[in-house]
N, C-alpha and C. Protein backbone atom coordinates (compact mmCIF):
# COMPACT_ATOMS: atom_id res chain seq x y z
N MET A 1 -129.08 -92.89 -20.22
CA MET A 1 -130.14 -93.86 -20.10
C MET A 1 -129.56 -95.13 -19.47
N PRO A 2 -130.20 -95.65 -18.42
CA PRO A 2 -129.67 -96.85 -17.77
C PRO A 2 -129.83 -98.09 -18.65
N ASP A 3 -128.90 -99.02 -18.48
CA ASP A 3 -128.95 -100.24 -19.29
C ASP A 3 -129.92 -101.25 -18.64
N PRO A 4 -130.51 -102.14 -19.44
CA PRO A 4 -131.47 -103.11 -18.91
C PRO A 4 -130.92 -103.97 -17.77
N ALA A 5 -129.65 -104.36 -17.83
CA ALA A 5 -129.08 -105.19 -16.76
C ALA A 5 -129.05 -104.42 -15.44
N GLY A 6 -128.70 -103.15 -15.49
CA GLY A 6 -128.69 -102.32 -14.29
C GLY A 6 -130.08 -102.09 -13.75
N ILE A 7 -131.03 -101.90 -14.65
CA ILE A 7 -132.43 -101.71 -14.24
C ILE A 7 -132.94 -102.99 -13.58
N ARG A 8 -132.66 -104.13 -14.20
CA ARG A 8 -133.08 -105.42 -13.67
C ARG A 8 -132.52 -105.62 -12.26
N ALA A 9 -131.25 -105.32 -12.08
CA ALA A 9 -130.61 -105.48 -10.77
C ALA A 9 -131.27 -104.57 -9.73
N ALA A 10 -131.53 -103.32 -10.10
CA ALA A 10 -132.17 -102.38 -9.17
C ALA A 10 -133.59 -102.83 -8.84
N LEU A 11 -134.31 -103.31 -9.83
CA LEU A 11 -135.68 -103.79 -9.62
C LEU A 11 -135.70 -104.99 -8.68
N HIS A 12 -134.85 -105.97 -8.92
CA HIS A 12 -134.80 -107.17 -8.07
C HIS A 12 -134.40 -106.79 -6.64
N ALA A 13 -133.44 -105.91 -6.50
CA ALA A 13 -133.00 -105.49 -5.17
C ALA A 13 -134.13 -104.78 -4.42
N TYR A 14 -134.82 -103.89 -5.10
CA TYR A 14 -135.90 -103.14 -4.44
C TYR A 14 -137.04 -104.08 -4.05
N ILE A 15 -137.44 -104.96 -4.94
CA ILE A 15 -138.53 -105.90 -4.61
C ILE A 15 -138.16 -106.73 -3.40
N GLY A 16 -136.91 -107.13 -3.31
CA GLY A 16 -136.46 -107.89 -2.15
C GLY A 16 -136.58 -107.13 -0.85
N THR A 17 -136.42 -105.81 -0.87
CA THR A 17 -136.51 -105.00 0.35
C THR A 17 -137.94 -104.78 0.81
N ILE A 18 -138.90 -104.92 -0.10
CA ILE A 18 -140.29 -104.66 0.30
C ILE A 18 -141.11 -105.94 0.42
N GLY A 19 -140.46 -107.08 0.34
CA GLY A 19 -141.13 -108.34 0.58
C GLY A 19 -141.89 -108.90 -0.61
N GLY A 20 -141.54 -108.50 -1.81
CA GLY A 20 -142.23 -109.00 -2.99
C GLY A 20 -141.79 -110.37 -3.42
N GLY A 21 -140.86 -110.95 -2.75
CA GLY A 21 -140.43 -112.30 -3.10
C GLY A 21 -138.92 -112.39 -3.05
N PRO A 22 -138.42 -113.60 -2.86
CA PRO A 22 -136.97 -113.77 -2.83
C PRO A 22 -136.38 -113.52 -4.22
N ASP A 23 -135.22 -112.91 -4.24
CA ASP A 23 -134.57 -112.54 -5.51
C ASP A 23 -134.41 -113.74 -6.43
N ARG A 24 -134.13 -114.91 -5.90
CA ARG A 24 -133.88 -116.08 -6.75
C ARG A 24 -135.13 -116.51 -7.51
N ALA A 25 -136.32 -116.11 -7.07
CA ALA A 25 -137.56 -116.49 -7.73
C ALA A 25 -137.96 -115.53 -8.85
N LEU A 26 -137.25 -114.43 -8.99
CA LEU A 26 -137.62 -113.42 -9.97
C LEU A 26 -136.97 -113.70 -11.31
N ARG A 27 -137.81 -113.77 -12.33
CA ARG A 27 -137.34 -113.96 -13.71
C ARG A 27 -137.98 -112.87 -14.56
N PRO A 28 -137.43 -112.59 -15.73
CA PRO A 28 -138.03 -111.55 -16.58
C PRO A 28 -139.51 -111.79 -16.88
N ASP A 29 -139.91 -113.06 -17.00
CA ASP A 29 -141.30 -113.35 -17.33
C ASP A 29 -142.20 -113.51 -16.11
N THR A 30 -141.67 -113.22 -14.91
CA THR A 30 -142.48 -113.27 -13.70
C THR A 30 -143.60 -112.25 -13.83
N ARG A 31 -144.83 -112.70 -13.66
CA ARG A 31 -145.98 -111.81 -13.76
C ARG A 31 -146.09 -110.98 -12.50
N LEU A 32 -146.42 -109.71 -12.67
CA LEU A 32 -146.50 -108.79 -11.55
C LEU A 32 -147.54 -109.25 -10.54
N ASP A 33 -148.64 -109.78 -11.01
CA ASP A 33 -149.70 -110.21 -10.11
C ASP A 33 -149.40 -111.54 -9.42
N ASP A 34 -148.28 -112.18 -9.74
CA ASP A 34 -147.89 -113.43 -9.08
C ASP A 34 -147.00 -113.21 -7.86
N LEU A 35 -146.57 -111.99 -7.64
CA LEU A 35 -145.69 -111.71 -6.50
C LEU A 35 -146.52 -111.37 -5.27
N ALA A 36 -146.33 -112.14 -4.22
CA ALA A 36 -147.09 -111.94 -2.98
C ALA A 36 -146.87 -110.54 -2.42
N GLY A 37 -147.94 -109.92 -2.02
CA GLY A 37 -147.86 -108.61 -1.38
C GLY A 37 -147.70 -107.44 -2.33
N MET A 38 -147.68 -107.71 -3.63
CA MET A 38 -147.49 -106.63 -4.61
C MET A 38 -148.81 -106.36 -5.32
N ASP A 39 -149.40 -105.21 -5.02
CA ASP A 39 -150.61 -104.82 -5.72
C ASP A 39 -150.28 -103.64 -6.64
N SER A 40 -151.27 -103.12 -7.33
CA SER A 40 -151.01 -102.06 -8.31
C SER A 40 -150.41 -100.82 -7.66
N LEU A 41 -150.83 -100.48 -6.46
CA LEU A 41 -150.25 -99.31 -5.79
C LEU A 41 -148.78 -99.54 -5.43
N LYS A 42 -148.46 -100.75 -5.02
CA LYS A 42 -147.07 -101.08 -4.69
C LYS A 42 -146.20 -101.02 -5.94
N TRP A 43 -146.75 -101.42 -7.10
CA TRP A 43 -145.98 -101.34 -8.34
C TRP A 43 -145.73 -99.90 -8.76
N ILE A 44 -146.73 -99.04 -8.57
CA ILE A 44 -146.55 -97.62 -8.89
C ILE A 44 -145.46 -97.03 -7.99
N GLU A 45 -145.50 -97.39 -6.70
CA GLU A 45 -144.47 -96.94 -5.76
C GLU A 45 -143.09 -97.46 -6.18
N THR A 46 -143.02 -98.71 -6.59
CA THR A 46 -141.76 -99.32 -7.02
C THR A 46 -141.20 -98.58 -8.22
N ILE A 47 -142.03 -98.30 -9.20
CA ILE A 47 -141.59 -97.59 -10.40
C ILE A 47 -141.12 -96.18 -10.04
N ALA A 48 -141.84 -95.50 -9.15
CA ALA A 48 -141.44 -94.15 -8.74
C ALA A 48 -140.08 -94.16 -8.04
N VAL A 49 -139.85 -95.14 -7.18
CA VAL A 49 -138.56 -95.25 -6.49
C VAL A 49 -137.45 -95.50 -7.50
N LEU A 50 -137.69 -96.40 -8.45
CA LEU A 50 -136.67 -96.71 -9.45
C LEU A 50 -136.42 -95.52 -10.38
N GLU A 51 -137.45 -94.76 -10.71
CA GLU A 51 -137.25 -93.55 -11.51
C GLU A 51 -136.26 -92.63 -10.80
N GLU A 52 -136.48 -92.44 -9.51
CA GLU A 52 -135.60 -91.55 -8.74
C GLU A 52 -134.18 -92.11 -8.66
N ARG A 53 -134.04 -93.38 -8.36
CA ARG A 53 -132.72 -94.01 -8.22
C ARG A 53 -131.95 -94.02 -9.54
N LEU A 54 -132.68 -94.20 -10.65
CA LEU A 54 -132.03 -94.29 -11.96
C LEU A 54 -131.92 -92.93 -12.66
N GLY A 55 -132.57 -91.91 -12.10
CA GLY A 55 -132.50 -90.57 -12.69
C GLY A 55 -133.24 -90.45 -14.01
N VAL A 56 -134.40 -91.14 -14.09
CA VAL A 56 -135.18 -91.10 -15.32
C VAL A 56 -136.62 -90.71 -15.00
N GLN A 57 -137.37 -90.40 -16.07
CA GLN A 57 -138.79 -90.10 -15.94
C GLN A 57 -139.53 -90.88 -17.02
N ILE A 58 -140.50 -91.69 -16.61
CA ILE A 58 -141.21 -92.54 -17.57
C ILE A 58 -142.41 -91.82 -18.18
N ASP A 59 -142.88 -92.38 -19.27
CA ASP A 59 -144.13 -91.96 -19.89
C ASP A 59 -145.21 -92.80 -19.23
N THR A 60 -146.10 -92.19 -18.48
CA THR A 60 -147.09 -92.92 -17.70
C THR A 60 -148.21 -93.53 -18.55
N ARG A 61 -148.25 -93.22 -19.82
CA ARG A 61 -149.32 -93.76 -20.67
C ARG A 61 -149.26 -95.28 -20.82
N GLY A 62 -148.12 -95.88 -20.58
CA GLY A 62 -147.99 -97.33 -20.76
C GLY A 62 -148.17 -98.15 -19.50
N LEU A 63 -148.46 -97.52 -18.40
CA LEU A 63 -148.51 -98.25 -17.14
C LEU A 63 -149.56 -99.35 -17.11
N GLU A 64 -150.71 -99.14 -17.74
CA GLU A 64 -151.77 -100.14 -17.67
C GLU A 64 -151.44 -101.42 -18.44
N HIS A 65 -150.39 -101.38 -19.26
CA HIS A 65 -150.00 -102.55 -20.05
C HIS A 65 -148.88 -103.37 -19.40
N LEU A 66 -148.45 -102.98 -18.22
CA LEU A 66 -147.38 -103.72 -17.55
C LEU A 66 -147.91 -105.04 -17.02
N ALA A 67 -147.27 -106.13 -17.40
CA ALA A 67 -147.71 -107.45 -16.94
C ALA A 67 -146.58 -108.25 -16.30
N THR A 68 -145.33 -108.01 -16.71
CA THR A 68 -144.20 -108.80 -16.21
C THR A 68 -143.09 -107.88 -15.71
N LEU A 69 -142.13 -108.49 -15.01
CA LEU A 69 -140.97 -107.71 -14.57
C LEU A 69 -140.22 -107.12 -15.76
N GLU A 70 -140.12 -107.87 -16.84
CA GLU A 70 -139.41 -107.37 -18.02
C GLU A 70 -140.13 -106.17 -18.63
N ASP A 71 -141.46 -106.10 -18.50
CA ASP A 71 -142.20 -104.93 -18.97
C ASP A 71 -141.74 -103.67 -18.22
N ILE A 72 -141.50 -103.81 -16.92
CA ILE A 72 -141.01 -102.67 -16.14
C ILE A 72 -139.60 -102.30 -16.57
N VAL A 73 -138.75 -103.28 -16.80
CA VAL A 73 -137.39 -103.03 -17.26
C VAL A 73 -137.43 -102.27 -18.58
N THR A 74 -138.27 -102.71 -19.51
CA THR A 74 -138.38 -102.06 -20.82
C THR A 74 -138.88 -100.63 -20.67
N LEU A 75 -139.89 -100.44 -19.84
CA LEU A 75 -140.43 -99.09 -19.61
C LEU A 75 -139.35 -98.15 -19.09
N LEU A 76 -138.58 -98.61 -18.11
CA LEU A 76 -137.54 -97.77 -17.53
C LEU A 76 -136.36 -97.56 -18.49
N ALA A 77 -136.08 -98.56 -19.31
CA ALA A 77 -134.98 -98.43 -20.29
C ALA A 77 -135.32 -97.39 -21.37
N GLN A 78 -136.60 -97.21 -21.63
CA GLN A 78 -137.05 -96.25 -22.65
C GLN A 78 -137.33 -94.87 -22.08
N ALA A 79 -137.17 -94.73 -20.78
CA ALA A 79 -137.48 -93.46 -20.11
C ALA A 79 -136.48 -92.38 -20.51
N ARG A 80 -136.93 -91.16 -20.38
CA ARG A 80 -136.05 -90.02 -20.66
C ARG A 80 -135.36 -89.60 -19.36
N PRO A 81 -134.22 -88.95 -19.48
CA PRO A 81 -133.53 -88.46 -18.28
C PRO A 81 -134.43 -87.50 -17.50
N ALA A 82 -134.39 -87.59 -16.19
CA ALA A 82 -135.18 -86.69 -15.34
C ALA A 82 -134.60 -85.28 -15.42
N GLY A 83 -135.50 -84.36 -15.22
CA GLY A 83 -135.00 -82.99 -15.16
C GLY A 83 -135.50 -82.10 -16.16
């Protein structure tokens, strides 16, 4: 299971590559809807990419409750290994 610091680093790096905002502006309490260019479909894509990169599979039942970057980190930290 990946550690939260590693997940956070992967999340910030990925968001930076897709134009969701400069890395320096991202904090754990940054709201998902506050990032320019990031809509719900882009967040689903982001989570799918991170699942693959981190080798985990999330429980999709909690997706509608995601509000902040830290919520995504927590979701991925609780994910089970893929496979």
